[in-house]
């Protein structure tokens, strides 16, 4: 649950809801229609930036909504449904970027964190949380174990705005 601009925002597996906090009236409710069958149906919340809300989905999408109306602004594929990747962690939005990672390490994924443009949904960069061959840190991973080594993100992220440093708990 998030309080932003005088509105309370909360999520369930497929629903995003705006609540007027002094009366508990539902201002709007948006139900996400999946593009693919859900891998998993957990959702840990939304991020807010510049009048937009951002959330992940059980079919691996990152979705942006207008925070005042609940109208979907864009949706992008962030997780590979065929590889059992989905988004359960609440994204983090900062300086026009939305940071989100894929889950779940226990389903055999090799996790990664991504940054998307908050206005357009365009992917800005990707960082492998389990390093692939040729990347720093891959040496301890024998054979092809890096492919299913985990590295999913399912919990909250933290950012130090003074340094721009992201802190990502990795499973």
Protein backbone atom coordinates (compact mmCIF):
# COMPACT_ATOMS: atom_id res chain seq x y z
CA UNK A 1 0.00 0.00 0.00
CA UNK A 2 1.26 3.47 -0.93
CA UNK A 3 0.10 6.97 0.03
CA UNK A 4 0.85 9.54 -2.69
CA UNK A 5 -0.70 12.92 -3.48
CA UNK A 6 -3.44 12.38 -0.89
CA UNK A 7 -4.55 9.06 -2.35
CA UNK A 8 -4.04 5.56 -0.98
CA UNK A 9 -3.09 2.93 -3.59
CA UNK A 10 -3.18 -0.79 -2.99
CA UNK A 11 -2.95 -3.94 -5.09
CA UNK A 12 -4.05 -7.52 -5.20
CA UNK A 13 -2.89 -10.15 -7.67
CA UNK A 14 -4.64 -8.52 -10.65
CA UNK A 15 -6.29 -5.38 -9.29
CA UNK A 16 -5.01 -1.89 -8.55
CA UNK A 17 -7.24 0.29 -6.36
CA UNK A 18 -7.21 3.99 -5.45
CA UNK A 19 -8.85 4.82 -2.12
CA UNK A 20 -9.69 8.22 -0.65
CA UNK A 21 -8.04 7.73 2.76
CA UNK A 22 -10.30 9.97 4.88
CA UNK A 23 -13.53 8.25 3.77
CA UNK A 24 -12.24 4.87 2.50
CA UNK A 25 -14.24 5.44 -0.70
CA UNK A 26 -12.92 3.58 -3.74
CA UNK A 27 -12.01 6.28 -6.27
CA UNK A 28 -11.14 3.83 -9.03
CA UNK A 29 -10.33 0.18 -9.54
CA UNK A 30 -8.44 -1.26 -12.48
CA UNK A 31 -8.44 -4.99 -13.18
CA UNK A 32 -5.48 -6.22 -15.21
CA UNK A 33 -6.34 -8.58 -18.09
CA UNK A 34 -3.43 -10.96 -18.56
CA UNK A 35 -1.67 -11.37 -21.89
CA UNK A 36 -0.44 -14.84 -20.84
CA UNK A 37 -1.52 -17.26 -18.12
CA UNK A 38 -0.15 -16.18 -14.74
CA UNK A 39 2.98 -17.90 -13.52
CA UNK A 40 2.20 -16.77 -9.98
CA UNK A 41 -0.37 -14.37 -8.58
CA UNK A 42 1.41 -12.42 -5.84
CA UNK A 43 1.79 -8.66 -5.99
CA UNK A 44 3.58 -6.52 -3.43
CA UNK A 45 2.47 -3.06 -4.49
CA UNK A 46 2.96 -0.05 -6.73
CA UNK A 47 5.43 2.74 -7.31
CA UNK A 48 4.41 6.34 -7.96
CA UNK A 49 6.14 8.99 -10.06
CA UNK A 50 4.88 12.14 -11.76
CA UNK A 51 1.18 11.22 -11.70
CA UNK A 52 1.71 7.61 -12.73
CA UNK A 53 1.53 4.28 -10.92
CA UNK A 54 3.61 1.27 -11.87
CA UNK A 55 3.05 -2.38 -11.00
CA UNK A 56 4.21 -5.81 -12.05
CA UNK A 57 2.03 -8.75 -13.03
CA UNK A 58 1.91 -12.52 -12.72
CA UNK A 59 2.51 -12.88 -16.45
CA UNK A 60 5.72 -10.80 -16.41
CA UNK A 61 4.44 -7.39 -17.49
CA UNK A 62 5.21 -3.93 -16.12
CA UNK A 63 2.12 -1.72 -16.34
CA UNK A 64 1.71 2.05 -15.96
CA UNK A 65 -1.57 3.68 -14.89
CA UNK A 66 -2.74 7.26 -14.62
CA UNK A 67 -2.77 7.75 -10.84
CA UNK A 68 -5.89 9.94 -10.90
CA UNK A 69 -8.11 7.83 -13.19
CA UNK A 70 -6.68 4.29 -13.23
CA UNK A 71 -6.49 4.36 -17.03
CA UNK A 72 -3.76 2.06 -18.33
CA UNK A 73 -1.07 4.14 -20.04
CA UNK A 74 1.27 1.41 -21.23
CA UNK A 75 2.34 -2.17 -20.60
CA UNK A 76 5.61 -3.82 -21.53
CA UNK A 77 6.99 -7.32 -21.33
CA UNK A 78 9.58 -7.42 -18.55
CA UNK A 79 9.62 -11.16 -17.79
CA UNK A 80 9.81 -14.09 -20.16
CA UNK A 81 6.64 -16.09 -19.58
CA UNK A 82 8.14 -19.15 -21.32
CA UNK A 83 10.96 -19.16 -18.71
CA UNK A 84 8.52 -18.82 -15.75
CA UNK A 85 9.48 -15.19 -15.04
CA UNK A 86 6.97 -12.90 -13.37
CA UNK A 87 7.00 -9.71 -11.29
CA UNK A 88 5.86 -9.82 -7.69
CA UNK A 89 8.00 -7.08 -6.07
CA UNK A 90 6.72 -3.52 -6.00
CA UNK A 91 8.66 -1.50 -8.56
CA UNK A 92 10.69 1.51 -7.50
CA UNK A 93 10.36 4.79 -9.44
CA UNK A 94 12.96 7.57 -9.34
CA UNK A 95 14.03 10.39 -11.67
CA UNK A 96 11.93 9.19 -14.60
CA UNK A 97 12.97 5.55 -14.31
CA UNK A 98 11.09 2.50 -13.05
CA UNK A 99 13.21 -0.29 -11.60
CA UNK A 100 11.86 -3.83 -11.47
CA UNK A 101 13.23 -7.36 -11.36
CA UNK A 102 11.89 -10.77 -12.22
CA UNK A 103 11.04 -13.62 -9.88
CA UNK A 104 11.23 -16.46 -8.93
CA UNK A 105 14.59 -18.00 -8.28
CA UNK A 106 12.94 -21.13 -6.90
CA UNK A 107 11.35 -21.77 -10.31
CA UNK A 108 14.77 -22.00 -11.96
CA UNK A 109 15.21 -18.53 -13.42
CA UNK A 110 18.42 -16.54 -13.59
CA UNK A 111 17.24 -13.17 -12.24
CA UNK A 112 17.85 -9.71 -13.58
CA UNK A 113 16.99 -6.14 -12.71
CA UNK A 114 15.77 -3.68 -15.34
CA UNK A 115 15.15 0.04 -15.67
CA UNK A 116 12.32 1.37 -17.82
CA UNK A 117 11.48 4.90 -18.96
CA UNK A 118 8.54 6.01 -16.79
CA UNK A 119 6.97 8.00 -19.65
CA UNK A 120 7.10 5.41 -22.43
CA UNK A 121 7.91 2.02 -20.91
CA UNK A 122 11.02 1.69 -23.07
CA UNK A 123 13.64 -0.55 -21.49
CA UNK A 124 16.72 1.52 -20.58
CA UNK A 125 19.01 -1.19 -19.24
CA UNK A 126 19.23 -4.72 -17.83
CA UNK A 127 21.56 -6.07 -15.16
CA UNK A 128 21.94 -9.83 -14.65
CA UNK A 129 21.73 -10.72 -10.97
CA UNK A 130 23.33 -14.09 -11.72
CA UNK A 131 26.29 -13.27 -13.98
CA UNK A 132 26.43 -14.98 -17.37
CA UNK A 133 29.67 -16.26 -18.94
CA UNK A 134 32.07 -13.38 -19.60
CA UNK A 135 30.50 -11.19 -16.89
CA UNK A 136 32.29 -10.41 -13.65
CA UNK A 137 31.39 -12.96 -10.96
CA UNK A 138 30.46 -15.86 -13.25
CA UNK A 139 33.63 -17.83 -12.47
CA UNK A 140 32.28 -19.58 -9.32
CA UNK A 141 29.24 -20.90 -11.23
CA UNK A 142 30.31 -24.32 -12.60
CA UNK A 143 29.09 -25.38 -16.04
CA UNK A 144 25.65 -24.05 -16.87
CA UNK A 145 24.47 -23.62 -13.25
CA UNK A 146 24.21 -19.86 -13.81
CA UNK A 147 21.19 -20.55 -16.08
CA UNK A 148 19.08 -21.74 -13.15
CA UNK A 149 20.96 -20.22 -10.24
CA UNK A 150 18.19 -18.09 -8.82
CA UNK A 151 18.59 -14.38 -8.34
CA UNK A 152 14.90 -13.58 -8.36
CA UNK A 153 13.61 -10.36 -6.81
CA UNK A 154 10.36 -10.72 -4.90
CA UNK A 155 10.72 -8.21 -2.07
CA UNK A 156 11.00 -4.42 -1.76
CA UNK A 157 13.88 -2.41 -3.18
CA UNK A 158 15.61 0.59 -1.61
CA UNK A 159 17.34 3.55 -3.22
CA UNK A 160 19.69 6.11 -1.70
CA UNK A 161 18.70 9.32 -3.53
CA UNK A 162 21.92 11.07 -2.49
CA UNK A 163 24.08 8.53 -4.31
CA UNK A 164 21.61 6.98 -6.76
CA UNK A 165 22.56 3.58 -5.35
CA UNK A 166 19.98 0.77 -5.59
CA UNK A 167 19.77 -1.97 -2.98
CA UNK A 168 18.08 -5.12 -4.27
CA UNK A 169 17.44 -8.19 -2.09
CA UNK A 170 18.09 -11.26 -4.22
CA UNK A 171 16.74 -14.75 -3.54
